[in-house]
Every structure is written in structure tokens, then in C-alpha cells.
């Protein structure tokens, strides 16, 4: 599992790749927690390299959304594959998250809504 953090202005872009499951999250817990703590209130998750998300990964996204909202910000999920979009649709999460085709569009959306 890959986790990289970059910034675009006051928006944090977290690139997550590979199979994101409970085991991978446990192994990368410190890196993920550090990235989320330093992310601030506006986060774009770039999922272009993610091939699989399990329930633990979905829970992580929901926790990040809740934390960002509590700070007055938001979360955008960017560059999701058709498989991941089907997962989000099946779980009814399309109403909770905003989705964009690219991370750059996600940054723009969060900046516009500030």
C-alpha cells in the first residue's frame, strides 16, 4: 500500500495506492495517522492508484471526512476507478463524499467551497 502526502495551497492531497485493507492499514498506521493529523481541514484523496478498498479503508475515509467537517472543511475523493465507484455507490456513500475526475479538480472544488 502506498501513502504519499503533498500540498496544494492549504489543501492536502493524500495519494493512496495498491490494495488498501485492514492488514495494509495496520502496517502503515503511523504514516497514515501522521498524514491525516497534518492534513488540516481540506483533503483530497487521490485514489487513482488504489486497486481495492475494504471496510477498514472505507472507515478511514469516513473518519477523515468527519474530522475535516468538524474543522469546517471537507474531503474529496478523486480519480476513482469504475470498480471503486461501484463500491461507493453500492454502499450509498455517493451522498457523503464529493467525487472528481482528477486531484486537481478536487483541490479546485475545495478552494471554491471555502
Protein backbone atom coordinates (compact mmCIF):
# COMPACT_ATOMS: atom_id res chain seq x y z
CA UNK A 1 0.00 0.00 0.00
CA UNK A 2 1.27 3.44 -0.97
CA UNK A 3 0.57 6.60 1.02
CA UNK A 4 2.02 9.93 -0.11
CA UNK A 5 1.11 13.39 1.10
CA UNK A 6 1.53 16.61 -0.89
CA UNK A 7 0.08 20.09 -0.56
CA UNK A 8 -1.56 22.46 -2.99
CA UNK A 9 -2.01 25.70 -1.12
CA UNK A 10 -3.99 24.86 2.01
CA UNK A 11 -5.32 21.58 0.56
CA UNK A 12 -3.64 18.27 1.36
CA UNK A 13 -3.57 15.63 -1.36
CA UNK A 14 -3.21 12.11 0.01
CA UNK A 15 -2.34 9.61 -2.70
CA UNK A 16 -3.31 6.11 -1.70
CA UNK A 17 -2.36 3.16 -3.86
CA UNK A 18 -2.47 -0.59 -4.05
CA UNK A 19 -4.75 -2.80 -2.01
CA UNK A 20 -5.95 -0.83 0.99
CA UNK A 21 -7.16 -3.32 3.54
CA UNK A 22 -7.05 -3.87 7.29
CA UNK A 23 -3.61 -5.52 7.17
CA UNK A 24 -2.06 -2.79 5.00
CA UNK A 25 -3.60 -0.08 7.16
CA UNK A 26 -2.19 -1.69 10.30
CA UNK A 27 1.29 -1.83 8.74
CA UNK A 28 1.14 1.80 7.62
CA UNK A 29 -0.82 3.12 10.62
CA UNK A 30 1.81 5.65 11.75
CA UNK A 31 2.29 7.13 8.27
CA UNK A 32 -1.46 7.38 7.74
CA UNK A 33 -2.15 8.94 11.14
CA UNK A 34 0.67 11.46 10.66
CA UNK A 35 -0.63 12.39 7.21
CA UNK A 36 -4.18 12.84 8.48
CA UNK A 37 -3.14 14.84 11.55
CA UNK A 38 -1.13 17.27 9.44
CA UNK A 39 -3.72 17.44 6.66
CA UNK A 40 -5.85 20.23 8.04
CA UNK A 41 -9.47 20.65 7.12
CA UNK A 42 -9.31 20.19 3.33
CA UNK A 43 -8.25 16.80 2.00
CA UNK A 44 -8.27 15.27 -1.46
CA UNK A 45 -7.78 11.51 -1.53
CA UNK A 46 -6.20 10.63 -4.87
CA UNK A 47 -7.38 7.07 -5.40
CA UNK A 48 -6.05 6.70 -8.95
CA UNK A 49 -3.57 4.05 -7.81
CA UNK A 50 -5.89 2.22 -5.39
CA UNK A 51 -7.00 -1.17 -6.67
CA UNK A 52 -9.06 -2.28 -3.67
CA UNK A 53 -10.60 -0.80 -0.51
CA UNK A 54 -12.02 -2.94 2.27
CA UNK A 55 -14.31 -1.89 5.12
CA UNK A 56 -11.36 -0.64 7.21
CA UNK A 57 -10.30 1.66 4.36
CA UNK A 58 -13.86 2.94 3.95
CA UNK A 59 -14.00 3.59 7.70
CA UNK A 60 -10.75 5.57 7.43
CA UNK A 61 -12.25 7.75 4.68
CA UNK A 62 -15.36 8.33 6.79
CA UNK A 63 -13.26 9.29 9.85
CA UNK A 64 -11.23 11.71 7.73
CA UNK A 65 -14.46 13.25 6.40
CA UNK A 66 -15.87 13.64 9.92
CA UNK A 67 -12.65 15.26 11.19
CA UNK A 68 -12.44 17.63 8.22
CA UNK A 69 -16.09 18.64 8.60
CA UNK A 70 -15.57 19.32 12.32
CA UNK A 71 -12.83 21.77 11.34
CA UNK A 72 -15.06 23.47 8.78
CA UNK A 73 -13.56 21.76 5.74
CA UNK A 74 -14.25 18.77 3.57
CA UNK A 75 -12.97 15.71 1.76
CA UNK A 76 -12.99 14.94 -1.95
CA UNK A 77 -12.33 11.53 -3.47
CA UNK A 78 -10.51 11.89 -6.79
CA UNK A 79 -9.69 9.66 -9.74
CA UNK A 80 -11.67 6.64 -8.55
CA UNK A 81 -11.73 3.62 -10.83
CA UNK A 82 -15.08 2.34 -12.07
CA UNK A 83 -14.70 -0.54 -9.60
CA UNK A 84 -14.28 1.84 -6.65
CA UNK A 85 -17.17 4.00 -7.83
CA UNK A 86 -19.34 0.87 -7.89
CA UNK A 87 -18.28 0.11 -4.30
CA UNK A 88 -19.11 3.66 -3.15
CA UNK A 89 -22.45 3.52 -4.98
CA UNK A 90 -23.36 0.11 -3.55
CA UNK A 91 -22.60 1.34 -0.02
CA UNK A 92 -24.60 4.54 -0.53
CA UNK A 93 -21.57 6.75 0.04
CA UNK A 94 -22.12 8.94 -3.01
CA UNK A 95 -24.26 11.20 -0.84
CA UNK A 96 -21.50 11.66 1.74
CA UNK A 97 -18.49 12.35 -0.48
CA UNK A 98 -17.77 14.62 -3.39
CA UNK A 99 -16.02 12.97 -6.33
CA UNK A 100 -13.84 14.44 -9.07
CA UNK A 101 -12.04 13.01 -12.07
CA UNK A 102 -8.64 14.39 -11.02
CA UNK A 103 -6.93 15.51 -7.81
CA UNK A 104 -6.55 18.99 -9.32
CA UNK A 105 -10.31 19.24 -9.78
CA UNK A 106 -10.71 18.14 -6.16
CA UNK A 107 -8.39 20.90 -4.98
CA UNK A 108 -10.32 23.47 -7.02
CA UNK A 109 -13.63 22.24 -5.59
CA UNK A 110 -12.40 22.56 -2.02
CA UNK A 111 -10.90 26.00 -2.64
CA UNK A 112 -14.15 27.23 -4.25
CA UNK A 113 -16.26 25.97 -1.37
CA UNK A 114 -14.07 27.64 1.29
